[in-house]
Amino acid sequence: MDDPYSIRPNHGSGTPEPHSMADTRPGGDPPDRATGALWVALAVFVGLNAVSSIARPDNVLFSLVFGIPAVLCLAALVARYLKRRRP
């Protein structure tokens, strides 16, 4: 039985070994920091877009300032996902 909360030893390699399959991607690679940064950027841009839409509902250009980068982050995430899926 795999205990996700157990302490795992570091054998001097400098990087901890993956504890379970949840710590790795399907290809066996560790999680990607760029993907995490894109998710954070997407959340920030969507939140700022919502705030700008509430603050100035009549100004579409002001809302596009945050909406376009949010769409670009989403497109980059989809492209990275599709690239990772293909062998």
N, C-alpha and C. Protein backbone atom coordinates (compact mmCIF):
# COMPACT_ATOMS: atom_id res chain seq x y z
N MET A 1 0.85 -1.18 0.00
CA MET A 1 0.00 0.00 0.00
C MET A 1 0.89 1.24 0.00
N ASP A 2 0.56 2.20 -0.80
CA ASP A 2 1.36 3.40 -0.96
C ASP A 2 0.83 4.50 -0.04
N ASP A 3 1.66 4.97 0.88
CA ASP A 3 1.26 6.01 1.82
C ASP A 3 1.75 7.36 1.29
N PRO A 4 0.85 8.25 0.84
CA PRO A 4 1.29 9.51 0.26
C PRO A 4 1.89 10.47 1.27
N TYR A 5 1.75 10.24 2.57
CA TYR A 5 2.24 11.16 3.58
C TYR A 5 3.51 10.65 4.27
N SER A 6 4.09 9.57 3.80
CA SER A 6 5.29 9.05 4.43
C SER A 6 6.51 9.89 4.03
N ILE A 7 7.54 9.83 4.84
CA ILE A 7 8.78 10.54 4.55
C ILE A 7 9.62 9.66 3.65
N ARG A 8 10.08 10.24 2.56
CA ARG A 8 10.89 9.46 1.63
C ARG A 8 12.34 9.96 1.70
N PRO A 9 13.29 9.07 1.67
CA PRO A 9 14.69 9.48 1.81
C PRO A 9 15.22 10.10 0.53
N ASN A 10 16.17 10.99 0.71
CA ASN A 10 16.87 11.58 -0.42
C ASN A 10 18.24 10.90 -0.46
N HIS A 11 18.54 10.22 -1.52
CA HIS A 11 19.76 9.43 -1.62
C HIS A 11 20.94 10.24 -2.13
N GLY A 12 21.00 11.53 -1.84
CA GLY A 12 22.13 12.35 -2.20
C GLY A 12 22.14 12.83 -3.63
N SER A 13 21.11 12.60 -4.39
CA SER A 13 21.10 13.03 -5.78
C SER A 13 20.71 14.48 -5.94
N GLY A 14 20.21 15.09 -4.88
CA GLY A 14 19.80 16.49 -4.96
C GLY A 14 18.35 16.66 -5.35
N THR A 15 17.75 15.66 -5.95
CA THR A 15 16.33 15.72 -6.30
C THR A 15 15.61 14.56 -5.62
N PRO A 16 14.51 14.85 -4.95
CA PRO A 16 13.78 13.75 -4.31
C PRO A 16 13.15 12.83 -5.35
N GLU A 17 13.05 11.58 -4.99
CA GLU A 17 12.43 10.61 -5.88
C GLU A 17 10.92 10.80 -5.85
N PRO A 18 10.23 10.59 -6.97
CA PRO A 18 8.77 10.68 -6.96
C PRO A 18 8.20 9.63 -6.01
N HIS A 19 7.25 10.07 -5.20
CA HIS A 19 6.68 9.18 -4.21
C HIS A 19 5.58 8.30 -4.79
N SER A 20 4.78 8.89 -5.66
CA SER A 20 3.70 8.14 -6.26
C SER A 20 3.54 8.61 -7.71
N MET A 21 2.64 7.99 -8.41
CA MET A 21 2.40 8.37 -9.80
C MET A 21 1.79 9.75 -9.92
N ALA A 22 1.24 10.28 -8.82
CA ALA A 22 0.65 11.63 -8.86
C ALA A 22 1.74 12.69 -8.95
N ASP A 23 3.00 12.35 -8.57
CA ASP A 23 4.09 13.31 -8.61
C ASP A 23 4.73 13.42 -9.99
N THR A 24 4.35 12.59 -10.93
CA THR A 24 4.94 12.61 -12.26
C THR A 24 3.85 12.72 -13.31
N ARG A 25 4.27 13.17 -14.48
CA ARG A 25 3.36 13.23 -15.62
C ARG A 25 3.33 11.87 -16.28
N PRO A 26 2.40 11.64 -17.21
CA PRO A 26 2.30 10.32 -17.86
C PRO A 26 3.59 9.88 -18.53
N GLY A 27 4.38 10.79 -19.04
CA GLY A 27 5.63 10.41 -19.68
C GLY A 27 6.74 10.10 -18.70
N GLY A 28 6.50 10.27 -17.40
CA GLY A 28 7.51 10.02 -16.39
C GLY A 28 8.31 11.26 -16.04
N ASP A 29 8.02 12.38 -16.68
CA ASP A 29 8.74 13.62 -16.41
C ASP A 29 8.16 14.30 -15.17
N PRO A 30 8.98 15.08 -14.47
CA PRO A 30 8.43 15.83 -13.33
C PRO A 30 7.51 16.95 -13.81
N PRO A 31 6.67 17.49 -12.95
CA PRO A 31 5.78 18.57 -13.35
C PRO A 31 6.56 19.77 -13.92
N ASP A 32 5.98 20.45 -14.88
CA ASP A 32 6.64 21.55 -15.57
C ASP A 32 6.30 22.87 -14.90
N ARG A 33 7.32 23.68 -14.61
CA ARG A 33 7.09 24.97 -13.95
C ARG A 33 6.45 25.99 -14.89
N ALA A 34 6.76 25.91 -16.17
CA ALA A 34 6.18 26.86 -17.12
C ALA A 34 4.67 26.66 -17.21
N THR A 35 4.21 25.42 -17.15
CA THR A 35 2.77 25.17 -17.18
C THR A 35 2.10 25.73 -15.94
N GLY A 36 2.74 25.58 -14.80
CA GLY A 36 2.20 26.15 -13.57
C GLY A 36 2.14 27.67 -13.63
N ALA A 37 3.17 28.27 -14.20
CA ALA A 37 3.20 29.73 -14.34
C ALA A 37 2.10 30.20 -15.30
N LEU A 38 1.85 29.42 -16.35
CA LEU A 38 0.78 29.79 -17.27
C LEU A 38 -0.58 29.70 -16.59
N TRP A 39 -0.78 28.69 -15.74
CA TRP A 39 -2.05 28.58 -15.01
C TRP A 39 -2.24 29.77 -14.07
N VAL A 40 -1.17 30.17 -13.39
CA VAL A 40 -1.26 31.32 -12.48
C VAL A 40 -1.55 32.59 -13.27
N ALA A 41 -0.85 32.79 -14.39
CA ALA A 41 -1.08 33.97 -15.22
C ALA A 41 -2.52 33.99 -15.76
N LEU A 42 -3.02 32.83 -16.15
CA LEU A 42 -4.39 32.75 -16.64
C LEU A 42 -5.38 33.17 -15.55
N ALA A 43 -5.17 32.67 -14.34
CA ALA A 43 -6.07 33.03 -13.23
C ALA A 43 -6.01 34.51 -12.92
N VAL A 44 -4.81 35.09 -12.95
CA VAL A 44 -4.66 36.53 -12.67
C VAL A 44 -5.34 37.36 -13.75
N PHE A 45 -5.11 37.02 -15.02
CA PHE A 45 -5.72 37.80 -16.11
C PHE A 45 -7.24 37.67 -16.13
N VAL A 46 -7.75 36.49 -15.84
CA VAL A 46 -9.21 36.32 -15.79
C VAL A 46 -9.79 37.13 -14.64
N GLY A 47 -9.13 37.10 -13.50
CA GLY A 47 -9.60 37.90 -12.36
C GLY A 47 -9.56 39.38 -12.64
N LEU A 48 -8.46 39.86 -13.23
CA LEU A 48 -8.36 41.28 -13.58
C LEU A 48 -9.38 41.68 -14.64
N ASN A 49 -9.66 40.77 -15.57
CA ASN A 49 -10.67 41.04 -16.58
C ASN A 49 -12.05 41.17 -15.94
N ALA A 50 -12.34 40.31 -14.97
CA ALA A 50 -13.63 40.39 -14.29
C ALA A 50 -13.75 41.69 -13.51
N VAL A 51 -12.69 42.08 -12.82
CA VAL A 51 -12.72 43.33 -12.05
C VAL A 51 -12.86 44.53 -12.99
N SER A 52 -12.14 44.51 -14.11
CA SER A 52 -12.25 45.64 -15.04
C SER A 52 -13.63 45.69 -15.69
N SER A 53 -14.25 44.55 -15.90
CA SER A 53 -15.59 44.54 -16.48
C SER A 53 -16.63 45.06 -15.49
N ILE A 54 -16.39 44.84 -14.21
CA ILE A 54 -17.31 45.36 -13.19
C ILE A 54 -17.07 46.85 -12.97
N ALA A 55 -15.79 47.26 -12.94
CA ALA A 55 -15.46 48.66 -12.67
C ALA A 55 -15.87 49.58 -13.82
N ARG A 56 -15.60 49.16 -15.04
CA ARG A 56 -15.92 49.98 -16.22
C ARG A 56 -16.65 49.11 -17.24
N PRO A 57 -17.94 48.85 -17.05
CA PRO A 57 -18.65 47.94 -17.96
C PRO A 57 -18.81 48.49 -19.39
N ASP A 58 -18.73 49.79 -19.56
CA ASP A 58 -18.93 50.37 -20.89
C ASP A 58 -17.66 50.45 -21.72
N ASN A 59 -16.50 50.29 -21.09
CA ASN A 59 -15.22 50.43 -21.78
C ASN A 59 -14.70 49.05 -22.20
N VAL A 60 -14.95 48.69 -23.45
CA VAL A 60 -14.55 47.39 -23.96
C VAL A 60 -13.04 47.30 -24.15
N LEU A 61 -12.40 48.39 -24.57
CA LEU A 61 -10.96 48.36 -24.79
C LEU A 61 -10.21 48.10 -23.49
N PHE A 62 -10.69 48.65 -22.37
CA PHE A 62 -10.05 48.43 -21.08
C PHE A 62 -10.16 46.96 -20.68
N SER A 63 -11.27 46.35 -21.00
CA SER A 63 -11.46 44.94 -20.69
C SER A 63 -10.60 44.04 -21.59
N LEU A 64 -10.37 44.46 -22.82
CA LEU A 64 -9.53 43.69 -23.74
C LEU A 64 -8.07 43.66 -23.32
N VAL A 65 -7.64 44.65 -22.54
CA VAL A 65 -6.26 44.69 -22.07
C VAL A 65 -5.94 43.44 -21.25
N PHE A 66 -6.91 42.94 -20.49
CA PHE A 66 -6.71 41.73 -19.69
C PHE A 66 -7.30 40.49 -20.36
N GLY A 67 -8.24 40.67 -21.25
CA GLY A 67 -8.87 39.53 -21.91
C GLY A 67 -7.99 38.86 -22.95
N ILE A 68 -7.27 39.64 -23.72
CA ILE A 68 -6.41 39.07 -24.76
C ILE A 68 -5.27 38.25 -24.16
N PRO A 69 -4.55 38.75 -23.13
CA PRO A 69 -3.52 37.89 -22.53
C PRO A 69 -4.09 36.61 -21.89
N ALA A 70 -5.31 36.68 -21.38
CA ALA A 70 -5.94 35.48 -20.81
C ALA A 70 -6.19 34.45 -21.91
N VAL A 71 -6.65 34.88 -23.05
CA VAL A 71 -6.89 33.97 -24.17
C VAL A 71 -5.57 33.40 -24.68
N LEU A 72 -4.51 34.21 -24.70
CA LEU A 72 -3.20 33.73 -25.14
C LEU A 72 -2.64 32.69 -24.16
N CYS A 73 -2.82 32.91 -22.87
CA CYS A 73 -2.38 31.91 -21.87
C CYS A 73 -3.15 30.61 -22.05
N LEU A 74 -4.44 30.71 -22.28
CA LEU A 74 -5.24 29.51 -22.49
C LEU A 74 -4.81 28.77 -23.75
N ALA A 75 -4.52 29.50 -24.82
CA ALA A 75 -4.06 28.87 -26.06
C ALA A 75 -2.70 28.19 -25.85
N ALA A 76 -1.82 28.82 -25.09
CA ALA A 76 -0.51 28.21 -24.81
C ALA A 76 -0.67 26.95 -23.98
N LEU A 77 -1.58 26.95 -23.02
CA LEU A 77 -1.81 25.75 -22.21
C LEU A 77 -2.36 24.60 -23.05
N VAL A 78 -3.28 24.91 -23.94
CA VAL A 78 -3.84 23.87 -24.81
C VAL A 78 -2.76 23.33 -25.75
N ALA A 79 -1.93 24.23 -26.29
CA ALA A 79 -0.86 23.79 -27.19
C ALA A 79 0.15 22.91 -26.46
N ARG A 80 0.50 23.27 -25.24
CA ARG A 80 1.43 22.46 -24.45
C ARG A 80 0.82 21.10 -24.13
N TYR A 81 -0.47 21.07 -23.83
CA TYR A 81 -1.13 19.81 -23.53
C TYR A 81 -1.15 18.89 -24.74
N LEU A 82 -1.50 19.44 -25.89
CA LEU A 82 -1.54 18.63 -27.10
C LEU A 82 -0.15 18.16 -27.51
N LYS A 83 0.86 18.99 -27.31
CA LYS A 83 2.23 18.59 -27.64
C LYS A 83 2.70 17.47 -26.72
N ARG A 84 2.31 17.51 -25.45
CA ARG A 84 2.71 16.49 -24.50
C ARG A 84 2.00 15.17 -24.74
N ARG A 85 0.77 15.22 -25.26
CA ARG A 85 -0.01 14.00 -25.52
C ARG A 85 0.54 13.19 -26.66
N ARG A 86 1.10 13.86 -27.66
CA ARG A 86 1.57 13.14 -28.85
C ARG A 86 2.93 12.50 -28.56
N PRO A 87 3.12 11.27 -29.01
CA PRO A 87 4.42 10.60 -28.77
C PRO A 87 5.54 11.10 -29.61
